[in-house]
N, C-alpha and C. Protein backbone atom coordinates (compact mmCIF):
# COMPACT_ATOMS: atom_id res chain seq x y z
N MET A 1 0.82 -1.23 0.00
CA MET A 1 0.06 0.05 0.12
C MET A 1 0.99 1.28 -0.06
N PHE A 2 0.52 2.29 -0.67
CA PHE A 2 1.44 3.53 -0.87
C PHE A 2 0.65 4.42 -0.02
N ARG A 3 1.44 5.15 1.04
CA ARG A 3 0.75 6.29 1.74
C ARG A 3 1.28 7.34 1.28
N PHE A 4 0.28 8.31 0.94
CA PHE A 4 0.47 9.66 0.29
C PHE A 4 0.88 10.62 1.49
N PRO A 5 2.07 11.36 1.21
CA PRO A 5 2.47 12.39 2.19
C PRO A 5 1.48 13.17 2.67
N ALA A 6 1.06 13.45 4.16
CA ALA A 6 -0.16 14.21 4.43
C ALA A 6 0.02 14.98 5.46
N VAL A 7 -0.72 16.33 5.66
CA VAL A 7 -0.55 17.14 6.63
C VAL A 7 -1.79 17.64 7.15
N GLU A 8 -2.39 18.01 8.51
CA GLU A 8 -3.64 18.71 8.42
C GLU A 8 -3.36 20.03 8.84
N ARG A 9 -3.78 21.01 8.15
CA ARG A 9 -3.71 22.48 8.32
C ARG A 9 -4.98 23.12 7.79
N HIS A 10 -5.25 24.37 8.62
CA HIS A 10 -6.56 25.03 8.22
C HIS A 10 -7.57 24.22 8.33
N GLY A 11 -7.71 23.19 9.14
CA GLY A 11 -9.04 22.36 9.13
C GLY A 11 -8.91 21.63 8.21
N ILE A 12 -8.18 20.93 7.34
CA ILE A 12 -8.13 20.15 6.03
C ILE A 12 -7.01 19.23 6.15
N VAL A 13 -7.33 18.05 5.85
CA VAL A 13 -6.12 17.05 5.68
C VAL A 13 -5.79 17.28 4.04
N TRP A 14 -4.60 17.45 3.98
CA TRP A 14 -3.87 17.71 2.51
C TRP A 14 -2.96 16.39 2.30
N ALA A 15 -3.30 15.92 1.12
CA ALA A 15 -2.50 14.69 0.68
C ALA A 15 -1.65 15.22 -0.54
N PHE A 16 -0.51 14.89 -0.75
CA PHE A 16 0.53 15.20 -1.82
C PHE A 16 0.45 14.02 -2.65
N ASN A 17 0.38 14.25 -3.85
CA ASN A 17 0.15 13.04 -4.97
C ASN A 17 1.73 13.04 -5.24
N GLY A 18 2.68 12.49 -4.66
CA GLY A 18 3.87 12.18 -4.90
C GLY A 18 4.62 11.39 -4.04
N GLN A 19 5.85 11.11 -4.13
CA GLN A 19 6.79 10.33 -2.80
C GLN A 19 7.01 11.36 -1.85
N GLU A 20 7.21 12.56 -2.31
CA GLU A 20 7.66 13.67 -1.33
C GLU A 20 7.02 14.91 -1.70
N PRO A 21 6.53 15.91 -0.87
CA PRO A 21 5.96 17.20 -1.15
C PRO A 21 6.92 17.89 -1.90
N LEU A 22 6.48 18.47 -2.99
CA LEU A 22 7.19 19.61 -3.63
C LEU A 22 7.18 20.97 -3.04
N PHE A 23 6.15 21.22 -2.09
CA PHE A 23 6.17 22.57 -1.44
C PHE A 23 5.15 22.16 -0.31
N ASP A 24 5.50 23.24 0.94
CA ASP A 24 4.52 23.04 1.96
C ASP A 24 3.22 23.78 1.66
N VAL A 25 2.27 23.27 2.52
CA VAL A 25 0.99 24.04 2.57
C VAL A 25 1.28 25.41 3.18
N PRO A 26 0.84 26.45 2.39
CA PRO A 26 1.31 27.75 3.01
C PRO A 26 0.58 28.06 4.12
N HIS A 27 1.15 28.90 4.95
CA HIS A 27 0.74 29.11 6.42
C HIS A 27 -0.21 30.61 6.25
N LEU A 28 -0.95 31.02 7.19
CA LEU A 28 -1.62 32.30 7.40
C LEU A 28 -0.99 33.29 8.40
N PRO A 29 -0.86 34.59 8.20
CA PRO A 29 -0.20 35.30 8.91
C PRO A 29 -0.53 35.35 10.45
N TYR A 30 -1.63 34.94 10.85
CA TYR A 30 -2.15 34.87 12.20
C TYR A 30 -2.71 33.50 12.66
N PRO A 31 -2.48 33.10 13.94
CA PRO A 31 -3.02 31.97 14.49
C PRO A 31 -4.52 31.75 14.38
N GLU A 32 -4.98 30.63 14.29
CA GLU A 32 -6.42 30.13 13.97
C GLU A 32 -6.90 30.93 15.33
N GLU A 33 -6.47 30.85 16.39
CA GLU A 33 -7.37 31.37 17.66
C GLU A 33 -7.64 32.82 17.75
N GLU A 34 -6.95 33.61 16.84
CA GLU A 34 -7.21 35.03 16.58
C GLU A 34 -8.15 35.24 15.63
N MET A 35 -8.50 34.20 14.91
CA MET A 35 -9.75 34.37 13.80
C MET A 35 -10.77 33.72 13.84
N VAL A 36 -11.99 34.14 13.11
CA VAL A 36 -13.32 33.58 13.05
C VAL A 36 -13.09 32.99 11.66
N VAL A 37 -12.89 31.45 11.62
CA VAL A 37 -12.76 30.65 10.34
C VAL A 37 -14.08 29.82 10.13
N ARG A 38 -14.50 29.73 8.71
CA ARG A 38 -15.69 29.01 8.27
C ARG A 38 -15.16 27.85 7.24
N ARG A 39 -15.75 26.78 7.15
CA ARG A 39 -15.46 25.98 6.15
C ARG A 39 -16.91 25.29 5.39
N THR A 40 -16.62 25.21 3.95
CA THR A 40 -18.08 24.35 3.49
C THR A 40 -17.14 23.88 2.16
N VAL A 41 -18.14 22.78 1.80
CA VAL A 41 -17.54 21.70 0.76
C VAL A 41 -18.97 21.88 -0.33
N LEU A 42 -18.37 22.12 -1.46
CA LEU A 42 -19.51 22.20 -2.60
C LEU A 42 -19.47 20.95 -3.40
N GLU A 43 -20.63 20.78 -4.04
CA GLU A 43 -20.80 19.72 -5.11
C GLU A 43 -20.13 19.58 -5.98
N GLU A 44 -19.54 18.34 -6.76
CA GLU A 44 -18.79 18.20 -7.69
C GLU A 44 -19.20 19.00 -8.96
N MET A 45 -17.95 19.40 -9.61
CA MET A 45 -18.01 20.23 -10.89
C MET A 45 -17.55 19.30 -12.10
N PRO A 46 -18.06 19.58 -13.20
CA PRO A 46 -17.59 18.46 -14.46
C PRO A 46 -16.49 19.29 -14.93
N VAL A 47 -15.54 19.39 -14.35
CA VAL A 47 -14.39 20.26 -14.88
C VAL A 47 -12.89 19.88 -13.97
N GLU A 48 -11.98 19.81 -14.61
CA GLU A 48 -10.76 19.31 -13.82
C GLU A 48 -10.19 20.54 -13.25
N PRO A 49 -9.45 20.22 -11.95
CA PRO A 49 -8.83 21.44 -11.15
C PRO A 49 -8.03 22.40 -12.05
N TRP A 50 -7.22 21.90 -12.94
CA TRP A 50 -6.13 22.86 -13.40
C TRP A 50 -7.05 23.66 -14.38
N LEU A 51 -8.20 23.49 -14.95
CA LEU A 51 -8.89 24.16 -15.64
C LEU A 51 -9.61 25.06 -15.13
N VAL A 52 -10.18 24.96 -13.97
CA VAL A 52 -10.60 25.85 -13.09
C VAL A 52 -9.45 27.15 -12.72
N GLN A 53 -8.48 26.58 -12.56
CA GLN A 53 -7.44 27.63 -12.16
C GLN A 53 -6.94 28.41 -13.33
N ALA A 54 -7.08 27.74 -14.47
CA ALA A 54 -6.57 28.34 -15.72
C ALA A 54 -7.82 29.85 -15.97
N HIS A 55 -9.12 29.38 -15.52
CA HIS A 55 -9.98 30.67 -15.50
C HIS A 55 -9.49 31.83 -14.48
N THR A 56 -9.11 31.33 -13.41
CA THR A 56 -8.73 32.25 -12.59
C THR A 56 -7.47 33.26 -13.26
N MET A 57 -6.46 32.47 -13.93
CA MET A 57 -5.34 33.21 -14.63
C MET A 57 -5.73 33.78 -16.06
N ASP A 58 -6.75 33.71 -16.51
CA ASP A 58 -7.27 34.42 -17.43
C ASP A 58 -7.73 35.93 -17.11
N LEU A 59 -6.72 36.80 -17.02
CA LEU A 59 -6.93 37.95 -16.36
C LEU A 59 -8.16 38.86 -17.10
N GLN A 60 -8.31 38.73 -18.49
CA GLN A 60 -9.35 39.38 -18.99
C GLN A 60 -10.75 39.24 -18.56
N HIS A 61 -11.19 37.92 -17.68
CA HIS A 61 -12.37 37.87 -17.38
C HIS A 61 -12.54 38.64 -16.02
N LEU A 62 -11.69 39.17 -15.73
CA LEU A 62 -11.76 39.94 -14.08
C LEU A 62 -12.67 41.17 -14.77
N SER A 63 -12.55 41.81 -15.78
CA SER A 63 -13.16 42.89 -16.43
C SER A 63 -14.39 42.65 -17.27
N LEU A 64 -14.45 41.37 -17.60
CA LEU A 64 -15.69 41.09 -18.52
C LEU A 64 -16.86 40.34 -17.51
N PRO A 65 -16.65 39.02 -17.31
CA PRO A 65 -17.98 38.63 -16.49
C PRO A 65 -18.14 39.29 -15.00
N HIS A 66 -16.87 39.53 -14.73
CA HIS A 66 -17.16 40.10 -13.15
C HIS A 66 -17.11 41.57 -13.14
N ASP A 67 -16.83 42.15 -14.20
CA ASP A 67 -17.05 43.67 -14.18
C ASP A 67 -16.30 44.42 -13.16
N PHE A 68 -15.08 43.95 -12.67
CA PHE A 68 -14.27 44.82 -11.92
C PHE A 68 -13.93 46.03 -12.60
N THR A 69 -13.65 47.09 -11.99
CA THR A 69 -13.02 48.30 -12.23
C THR A 69 -11.50 48.26 -11.46
N LEU A 70 -10.55 48.18 -12.45
CA LEU A 70 -9.33 48.00 -12.14
C LEU A 70 -8.50 49.16 -11.63
N ASP A 71 -7.74 48.97 -10.15
CA ASP A 71 -6.95 50.12 -10.01
C ASP A 71 -5.82 50.39 -10.70
N GLU A 72 -5.10 49.06 -11.16
CA GLU A 72 -4.18 48.71 -12.18
C GLU A 72 -3.91 47.64 -12.63
N ASP A 73 -3.17 47.41 -13.56
CA ASP A 73 -3.29 46.24 -14.44
C ASP A 73 -2.67 44.99 -13.64
N PRO A 74 -3.30 43.88 -13.57
CA PRO A 74 -2.90 42.52 -12.84
C PRO A 74 -1.84 42.29 -13.42
N ASN A 75 -1.71 42.27 -14.84
CA ASN A 75 -0.58 41.53 -15.62
C ASN A 75 0.65 42.01 -15.30
N ASP A 76 0.64 43.22 -14.48
CA ASP A 76 2.04 43.87 -14.48
C ASP A 76 2.58 43.20 -13.08
N SER A 77 1.62 42.40 -12.42
CA SER A 77 2.11 41.91 -11.17
C SER A 77 2.29 40.64 -11.03
N VAL A 78 2.23 39.98 -12.19
CA VAL A 78 2.17 38.39 -12.32
C VAL A 78 3.29 37.81 -11.79
N ARG A 79 3.24 36.65 -11.00
CA ARG A 79 4.44 35.83 -10.61
C ARG A 79 4.39 34.49 -10.84
N VAL A 80 5.50 34.18 -11.33
CA VAL A 80 5.49 32.50 -11.88
C VAL A 80 6.88 31.90 -11.02
N GLY A 81 6.53 30.87 -10.18
CA GLY A 81 7.69 30.30 -9.76
C GLY A 81 7.39 28.51 -10.06
N PRO A 82 8.25 27.93 -9.62
CA PRO A 82 8.43 26.44 -9.92
C PRO A 82 6.99 25.47 -9.49
N TYR A 83 6.26 26.21 -8.35
CA TYR A 83 5.35 25.37 -8.02
C TYR A 83 4.14 26.37 -7.61
N SER A 84 4.20 27.65 -8.19
CA SER A 84 3.14 28.30 -7.80
C SER A 84 3.04 29.55 -8.91
N VAL A 85 1.75 30.19 -9.22
CA VAL A 85 1.59 31.13 -9.99
C VAL A 85 0.76 32.14 -9.42
N GLY A 86 0.57 33.44 -9.81
CA GLY A 86 -0.14 34.39 -8.87
C GLY A 86 0.00 35.75 -9.30
N PHE A 87 -1.00 36.82 -8.82
CA PHE A 87 -0.90 37.96 -9.50
C PHE A 87 -1.65 38.85 -8.12
N ASP A 88 -1.75 39.96 -8.08
CA ASP A 88 -2.22 41.10 -7.44
C ASP A 88 -3.32 41.73 -8.03
N LEU A 89 -4.62 41.73 -7.24
CA LEU A 89 -5.82 42.51 -7.90
C LEU A 89 -6.04 43.52 -6.79
N ARG A 90 -5.95 44.75 -7.36
CA ARG A 90 -6.49 45.81 -6.82
C ARG A 90 -7.78 46.44 -7.60
N ALA A 91 -8.96 46.37 -7.00
CA ALA A 91 -9.98 46.66 -8.00
C ALA A 91 -11.39 46.66 -7.14
N ARG A 92 -12.42 47.34 -7.70
CA ARG A 92 -13.62 47.53 -7.02
C ARG A 92 -14.62 46.78 -7.73
N LEU A 93 -15.35 45.83 -7.01
CA LEU A 93 -16.61 44.97 -7.87
C LEU A 93 -17.89 45.64 -8.09
N ARG A 94 -18.15 45.99 -9.33
CA ARG A 94 -19.42 46.45 -9.56
C ARG A 94 -19.66 47.81 -8.78
N GLY A 95 -18.98 48.61 -8.79
CA GLY A 95 -19.17 49.64 -7.92
C GLY A 95 -19.38 49.48 -6.31
N GLY A 96 -19.06 48.35 -5.89
CA GLY A 96 -19.03 47.91 -4.60
C GLY A 96 -17.96 47.49 -3.83
N PRO A 97 -17.62 46.73 -3.20
CA PRO A 97 -16.52 46.23 -2.31
C PRO A 97 -15.15 46.34 -3.00
N HIS A 98 -14.39 46.79 -2.45
CA HIS A 98 -12.97 47.02 -2.96
C HIS A 98 -12.07 45.98 -2.43
N PHE A 99 -11.34 45.14 -3.56
CA PHE A 99 -10.34 44.18 -3.27
C PHE A 99 -9.02 44.49 -3.26
N ASP A 100 -8.20 44.21 -2.47
CA ASP A 100 -6.64 44.31 -2.43
C ASP A 100 -6.18 43.49 -1.99
N VAL A 101 -5.82 42.25 -3.01
CA VAL A 101 -5.52 41.06 -2.50
C VAL A 101 -4.35 40.44 -3.50
N ARG A 102 -3.78 39.54 -2.84
CA ARG A 102 -2.81 38.64 -3.33
C ARG A 102 -3.61 37.28 -3.63
N VAL A 103 -3.63 36.82 -5.21
CA VAL A 103 -4.04 35.72 -5.49
C VAL A 103 -2.88 34.64 -5.90
N ASP A 104 -2.99 33.37 -5.59
CA ASP A 104 -1.85 32.52 -6.10
C ASP A 104 -2.49 31.19 -6.12
N ILE A 105 -1.96 30.39 -7.14
CA ILE A 105 -2.38 29.13 -7.50
C ILE A 105 -1.12 28.32 -7.07
N HIS A 106 -1.28 27.45 -5.97
CA HIS A 106 -0.22 26.64 -5.59
C HIS A 106 -0.52 25.11 -6.30
N GLY A 107 0.52 24.51 -6.85
CA GLY A 107 0.41 23.35 -7.53
C GLY A 107 -0.80 23.72 -8.72
N THR A 108 -1.48 22.91 -9.01
CA THR A 108 -2.33 22.96 -10.06
C THR A 108 -4.02 23.00 -9.75
N ASN A 109 -3.97 23.02 -8.32
CA ASN A 109 -5.35 22.90 -7.67
C ASN A 109 -5.88 23.62 -6.53
N ILE A 110 -4.94 24.55 -6.04
CA ILE A 110 -5.07 25.07 -4.92
C ILE A 110 -5.06 26.64 -5.04
N PHE A 111 -6.30 27.35 -4.77
CA PHE A 111 -6.57 28.86 -4.80
C PHE A 111 -6.53 29.32 -3.51
N TRP A 112 -5.62 30.42 -3.33
CA TRP A 112 -5.03 31.05 -2.39
C TRP A 112 -5.14 32.51 -2.25
N GLN A 113 -6.07 33.15 -1.41
CA GLN A 113 -6.13 34.59 -1.68
C GLN A 113 -6.13 35.08 -0.25
N THR A 114 -5.27 36.32 -0.03
CA THR A 114 -5.28 36.88 1.17
C THR A 114 -5.13 38.42 0.76
N GLY A 115 -5.99 39.35 1.65
CA GLY A 115 -5.50 40.54 1.56
C GLY A 115 -6.80 41.22 2.23
N THR A 116 -7.26 42.45 1.45
CA THR A 116 -8.54 43.05 2.02
C THR A 116 -9.51 43.33 1.51
N LEU A 117 -10.68 43.27 2.15
CA LEU A 117 -12.13 43.75 1.57
C LEU A 117 -12.42 45.00 2.02
N ASP A 118 -12.67 46.10 1.37
CA ASP A 118 -12.82 47.24 1.93
C ASP A 118 -11.83 47.78 3.22
N GLY A 119 -10.76 47.58 2.92
CA GLY A 119 -9.58 47.75 4.11
C GLY A 119 -9.49 46.77 5.07
N ARG A 120 -10.35 45.63 5.28
CA ARG A 120 -10.45 44.54 6.23
C ARG A 120 -9.64 43.39 5.56
N TRP A 121 -8.88 42.95 6.67
CA TRP A 121 -8.31 41.65 5.95
C TRP A 121 -8.95 40.37 6.16
N PHE A 122 -8.92 39.62 5.22
CA PHE A 122 -9.66 38.15 5.23
C PHE A 122 -8.79 37.27 4.40
N PHE A 123 -9.24 36.09 4.38
CA PHE A 123 -8.43 35.08 3.63
C PHE A 123 -9.58 34.13 3.01
N TRP A 124 -9.36 33.70 1.86
CA TRP A 124 -10.15 32.59 1.03
C TRP A 124 -9.07 31.49 0.35
N ILE A 125 -9.49 30.44 1.06
CA ILE A 125 -8.69 29.19 0.49
C ILE A 125 -9.50 28.26 -0.35
N ALA A 126 -9.21 27.78 -1.31
CA ALA A 126 -10.24 26.80 -2.22
C ALA A 126 -9.52 25.47 -2.84
N PRO A 127 -9.17 24.76 -2.16
CA PRO A 127 -8.31 23.79 -2.80
C PRO A 127 -9.49 22.75 -3.34
N LEU A 128 -9.21 22.08 -4.58
CA LEU A 128 -10.00 21.34 -5.43
C LEU A 128 -9.44 19.95 -5.29
N ALA A 129 -10.46 19.03 -4.75
CA ALA A 129 -10.14 17.70 -4.81
C ALA A 129 -10.35 17.23 -6.31
N ILE A 130 -10.09 15.81 -6.58
CA ILE A 130 -10.42 15.20 -7.58
C ILE A 130 -11.02 13.98 -7.18
N PRO A 131 -12.60 14.02 -7.28
CA PRO A 131 -13.46 12.92 -7.04
C PRO A 131 -13.26 11.83 -8.03
N GLY A 132 -12.76 12.26 -9.27
CA GLY A 132 -12.66 11.14 -10.30
C GLY A 132 -12.50 11.78 -11.89
N PRO A 133 -12.09 11.22 -12.82
CA PRO A 133 -11.36 12.06 -13.85
C PRO A 133 -12.44 12.93 -14.47
N GLY A 134 -11.93 13.96 -14.88
CA GLY A 134 -12.72 15.36 -15.28
C GLY A 134 -13.66 15.68 -14.34
N ARG A 135 -13.40 15.70 -12.89
CA ARG A 135 -14.44 16.42 -12.02
C ARG A 135 -13.50 16.97 -10.71
N SER A 136 -14.07 17.62 -10.28
CA SER A 136 -13.32 18.47 -9.13
C SER A 136 -14.43 18.96 -8.07
N ARG A 137 -14.07 19.07 -6.69
CA ARG A 137 -14.97 19.45 -5.83
C ARG A 137 -14.13 20.37 -4.85
N ALA A 138 -14.44 21.52 -4.68
CA ALA A 138 -14.05 22.59 -3.91
C ALA A 138 -14.54 22.59 -2.57
N THR A 139 -13.53 22.65 -1.63
CA THR A 139 -13.50 23.20 -0.36
C THR A 139 -13.29 24.61 -0.09
N PHE A 140 -14.35 25.10 0.47
CA PHE A 140 -14.02 26.73 0.93
C PHE A 140 -13.48 26.83 2.23
N VAL A 141 -12.49 27.39 2.74
CA VAL A 141 -11.98 27.63 3.93
C VAL A 141 -11.56 29.31 3.89
N TYR A 142 -12.28 29.81 4.88
CA TYR A 142 -12.28 31.53 4.66
C TYR A 142 -12.46 32.06 6.18
N GLY A 143 -11.75 33.21 6.27
CA GLY A 143 -11.94 33.71 7.84
C GLY A 143 -11.41 35.02 7.83
N ALA A 144 -11.60 35.65 8.91
CA ALA A 144 -10.80 37.02 9.23
C ALA A 144 -10.53 36.87 10.60
N ARG A 145 -9.57 37.98 10.78
CA ARG A 145 -9.21 38.25 12.22
C ARG A 145 -10.02 39.11 13.05
N ARG A 146 -10.33 38.70 14.40
CA ARG A 146 -11.07 39.41 15.24
C ARG A 146 -10.21 41.04 15.40
N GLU A 147 -11.06 42.11 15.15
CA GLU A 147 -10.41 43.23 15.60
C GLU A 147 -10.36 43.50 17.09
N ASP A 148 -9.58 44.35 17.53
CA ASP A 148 -9.59 44.55 18.91
C ASP A 148 -10.90 45.04 19.54
N GLY A 149 -11.38 44.47 20.50
CA GLY A 149 -12.48 44.75 21.05
C GLY A 149 -13.69 44.44 20.26
N GLU A 150 -13.70 43.61 19.39
CA GLU A 150 -14.98 43.19 18.49
C GLU A 150 -15.22 41.83 19.13
N ASP A 151 -16.68 41.61 19.04
CA ASP A 151 -17.33 40.53 19.43
C ASP A 151 -17.22 39.43 18.12
N THR A 152 -17.59 38.08 18.58
CA THR A 152 -17.63 37.21 17.14
C THR A 152 -18.77 37.47 16.32
N ALA A 153 -19.86 37.95 16.63
CA ALA A 153 -20.79 38.30 15.83
C ALA A 153 -20.58 39.16 14.89
N ALA A 154 -19.80 40.43 15.16
CA ALA A 154 -19.33 41.57 14.28
C ALA A 154 -18.41 40.94 13.47
N THR A 155 -17.46 39.96 13.90
CA THR A 155 -16.61 39.32 12.70
C THR A 155 -17.43 38.22 11.73
N GLU A 156 -18.32 37.77 12.39
CA GLU A 156 -19.30 37.01 11.57
C GLU A 156 -20.22 37.74 10.45
N ALA A 157 -20.52 38.86 10.97
CA ALA A 157 -20.96 39.89 9.99
C ALA A 157 -20.11 40.25 8.76
N PHE A 158 -19.09 40.53 9.16
CA PHE A 158 -18.02 40.80 8.18
C PHE A 158 -17.68 39.53 7.10
N LEU A 159 -17.60 38.37 7.63
CA LEU A 159 -17.39 37.26 6.76
C LEU A 159 -18.73 36.97 6.10
N ASP A 160 -20.02 37.23 6.43
CA ASP A 160 -21.09 37.30 5.46
C ASP A 160 -20.89 38.08 4.37
N ARG A 161 -20.43 39.41 4.44
CA ARG A 161 -20.13 40.21 3.42
C ARG A 161 -19.17 39.78 2.48
N ALA A 162 -17.77 39.11 3.18
CA ALA A 162 -16.89 38.48 2.44
C ALA A 162 -17.56 37.53 1.45
N ARG A 163 -18.25 36.54 2.22
CA ARG A 163 -18.77 35.27 1.57
C ARG A 163 -19.87 35.76 0.25
N THR A 164 -20.66 36.70 0.49
CA THR A 164 -21.47 37.22 -0.70
C THR A 164 -20.77 37.79 -2.05
N ALA A 165 -19.58 38.40 -1.67
CA ALA A 165 -18.77 39.18 -2.55
C ALA A 165 -17.95 37.83 -3.23
N MET A 166 -17.40 36.89 -2.59
CA MET A 166 -16.68 35.90 -3.40
C MET A 166 -17.61 34.88 -3.99
N MET A 167 -18.81 34.84 -3.42
CA MET A 167 -19.62 33.72 -4.05
C MET A 167 -20.53 34.48 -5.42
N ALA A 168 -20.45 35.57 -5.39
CA ALA A 168 -20.94 36.39 -6.52
C ALA A 168 -20.02 35.95 -7.54
N LEU A 169 -18.63 36.06 -7.32
CA LEU A 169 -17.47 35.71 -8.52
C LEU A 169 -17.87 34.47 -8.88
N PHE A 170 -17.83 33.48 -8.10
CA PHE A 170 -18.04 31.93 -8.32
C PHE A 170 -19.15 31.93 -9.06
N ASP A 171 -20.51 32.35 -8.66
CA ASP A 171 -21.54 32.34 -9.61
C ASP A 171 -21.43 32.54 -10.84
N ASP A 172 -20.67 33.78 -11.21
CA ASP A 172 -20.08 34.27 -12.48
C ASP A 172 -19.50 33.29 -13.19
N ASP A 173 -18.61 32.49 -12.62
CA ASP A 173 -17.48 31.53 -13.16
C ASP A 173 -18.33 30.16 -13.64
N THR A 174 -19.07 29.75 -12.89
CA THR A 174 -19.61 28.53 -12.97
C THR A 174 -20.24 28.19 -14.30
N PRO A 175 -21.10 28.89 -14.88
CA PRO A 175 -21.68 28.59 -16.10
C PRO A 175 -20.35 28.48 -17.27
N VAL A 176 -19.43 29.18 -16.97
CA VAL A 176 -18.40 29.30 -17.91
C VAL A 176 -17.56 27.78 -18.13
N LEU A 177 -17.23 27.46 -16.77
CA LEU A 177 -16.23 26.47 -16.55
C LEU A 177 -16.35 25.17 -17.30
N GLY A 178 -17.66 24.56 -17.47
CA GLY A 178 -17.65 23.53 -18.20
C GLY A 178 -17.55 23.67 -19.76
N THR A 179 -17.47 24.74 -20.20
CA THR A 179 -17.47 25.20 -21.64
C THR A 179 -16.03 25.61 -22.26
N ILE A 180 -15.02 25.55 -21.37
CA ILE A 180 -13.95 26.17 -21.72
C ILE A 180 -13.05 25.20 -22.46
N ARG A 181 -12.53 25.52 -23.66
CA ARG A 181 -11.74 24.92 -24.64
C ARG A 181 -10.68 25.74 -25.15
N PHE A 182 -9.48 25.00 -25.01
CA PHE A 182 -8.25 25.68 -25.47
C PHE A 182 -7.82 25.11 -26.91
N ARG A 183 -7.39 25.93 -27.61
CA ARG A 183 -6.91 25.18 -29.01
C ARG A 183 -5.33 26.01 -29.23
N PRO A 184 -4.40 25.23 -29.54
CA PRO A 184 -3.29 25.75 -29.65
C PRO A 184 -3.28 26.68 -30.62
N GLY A 185 -2.47 28.29 -30.49
CA GLY A 185 -2.39 28.93 -31.57
C GLY A 185 -3.35 30.16 -31.62
N LEU A 186 -4.36 30.03 -30.78
CA LEU A 186 -5.31 31.11 -30.71
C LEU A 186 -5.51 32.12 -29.75
N LEU A 187 -4.32 31.93 -28.77
CA LEU A 187 -4.26 32.90 -27.92
C LEU A 187 -3.72 34.22 -28.39
N THR A 188 -4.20 35.21 -27.79
CA THR A 188 -3.64 36.78 -28.21
C THR A 188 -2.90 37.39 -27.20
N HIS A 189 -2.18 38.63 -27.51
CA HIS A 189 -1.55 39.24 -26.65
C HIS A 189 -2.34 39.63 -25.22
N SER A 190 -3.55 39.85 -25.18
CA SER A 190 -4.52 39.87 -24.21
C SER A 190 -4.30 38.64 -23.22
N ASP A 191 -4.09 37.57 -23.78
CA ASP A 191 -3.78 36.31 -23.15
C ASP A 191 -2.74 36.01 -22.59
N ARG A 192 -1.65 36.82 -22.49
CA ARG A 192 -0.45 36.54 -22.20
C ARG A 192 -0.31 35.91 -20.78
N THR A 193 -1.01 36.38 -19.67
CA THR A 193 -0.91 35.71 -18.31
C THR A 193 -1.62 34.21 -18.46
N LEU A 194 -2.64 33.91 -19.35
CA LEU A 194 -3.26 32.71 -19.38
C LEU A 194 -2.17 31.98 -20.17
N ALA A 195 -1.34 32.31 -21.05
CA ALA A 195 -0.36 31.51 -21.89
C ALA A 195 0.57 31.08 -20.90
N ARG A 196 1.09 32.20 -20.07
CA ARG A 196 2.12 31.76 -19.05
C ARG A 196 1.60 30.63 -18.14
N TYR A 197 0.73 30.70 -17.62
CA TYR A 197 -0.10 29.63 -16.70
C TYR A 197 -0.21 28.17 -17.59
N LEU A 198 -0.66 28.41 -18.79
CA LEU A 198 -0.63 26.90 -19.61
C LEU A 198 0.83 26.36 -19.70
N GLU A 199 1.52 27.35 -19.78
CA GLU A 199 3.05 26.73 -19.88
C GLU A 199 3.55 26.16 -18.53
N TYR A 200 3.22 26.92 -17.72
CA TYR A 200 3.56 26.39 -16.28
C TYR A 200 2.92 24.97 -15.95
N VAL A 201 1.66 24.78 -16.45
CA VAL A 201 0.73 23.33 -16.38
C VAL A 201 1.97 22.49 -17.20
N ARG A 202 2.32 22.91 -18.42
CA ARG A 202 2.59 21.65 -19.23
C ARG A 202 3.88 21.43 -18.44
N LYS A 203 4.82 22.04 -17.78
CA LYS A 203 6.03 21.82 -17.14
C LYS A 203 6.03 21.23 -15.79
N TYR A 204 4.77 21.29 -15.47
CA TYR A 204 4.34 20.78 -13.86
C TYR A 204 4.74 19.32 -13.76
N PRO A 205 5.59 18.94 -12.67
CA PRO A 205 5.63 17.33 -12.35
C PRO A 205 4.41 16.53 -12.29
N ARG A 206 4.52 15.48 -12.97
CA ARG A 206 3.54 14.62 -12.96
C ARG A 206 3.91 13.27 -12.20
N ASP A 207 2.98 12.60 -11.44
CA ASP A 207 3.34 11.57 -10.81
C ASP A 207 1.92 10.75 -10.57
N ASN A 208 2.14 9.44 -10.32
CA ASN A 208 0.81 8.44 -9.96
C ASN A 208 1.52 7.53 -9.11
N PRO A 209 2.09 7.64 -7.96
CA PRO A 209 2.81 6.63 -7.42
C PRO A 209 1.90 5.49 -6.78
N ALA A 210 0.82 5.70 -6.72
CA ALA A 210 -0.35 4.59 -6.33
C ALA A 210 -0.84 3.73 -7.52
N ARG A 211 -0.30 4.02 -8.76
CA ARG A 211 -0.68 3.34 -9.72
C ARG A 211 -0.77 1.80 -9.58
N ALA A 212 0.13 1.06 -8.86
CA ALA A 212 0.28 -0.10 -8.77
C ALA A 212 -0.83 -0.93 -7.82
N PHE A 213 -1.49 0.07 -6.99
CA PHE A 213 -2.64 -0.30 -6.24
C PHE A 213 -3.95 -0.11 -6.69
N LEU A 214 -4.22 0.61 -7.68
CA LEU A 214 -5.46 0.96 -8.39
C LEU A 214 -6.16 -0.13 -9.21
N THR A 215 -7.34 -0.42 -9.09
CA THR A 215 -7.88 -1.06 -9.94
C THR A 215 -8.88 -0.53 -10.65
């Protein structure tokens, strides 16, 4: 029997698909006892995790279906490392809440966002499990730090606002995810960040250490 390297963090058991983890599960800047944290699991989606993250890295969609008003071009902040890609988003959503966040994709299936919503810090983590070929299931872990003198109810009220804002983005994306198809040679200059992500995925290490135990 093969035992996947695993660790429990942020209320989730993380298993790495390989003999040894290539990267550690990121840490949050505050201990959990200083935060109010929520967790929820969504139903399966008929799309693979890397494709969901490709939609995140298609930065044109920030101004199109999401209708963000950008403070600056997120393409100018793109980061590409060996095992993560990401960008900074400073923008207002449809004349409403203002995001100043760092967005990172770790591996090819972990969405990791930290920063502020209308000036208040929060985090939103969405690792995507693979329940079967061509499918994914998201777990949302999100939370905020209690401000000095604030009771839990006030922090919960802020998290309600944060969840509403983030789920509005998710609801925009859901109808699109099952229809995405990429064809080589059709990307334009406006797709340059998406192209960098797709190249990152092509080069990403692949492994199936449990293949001998699968039937």
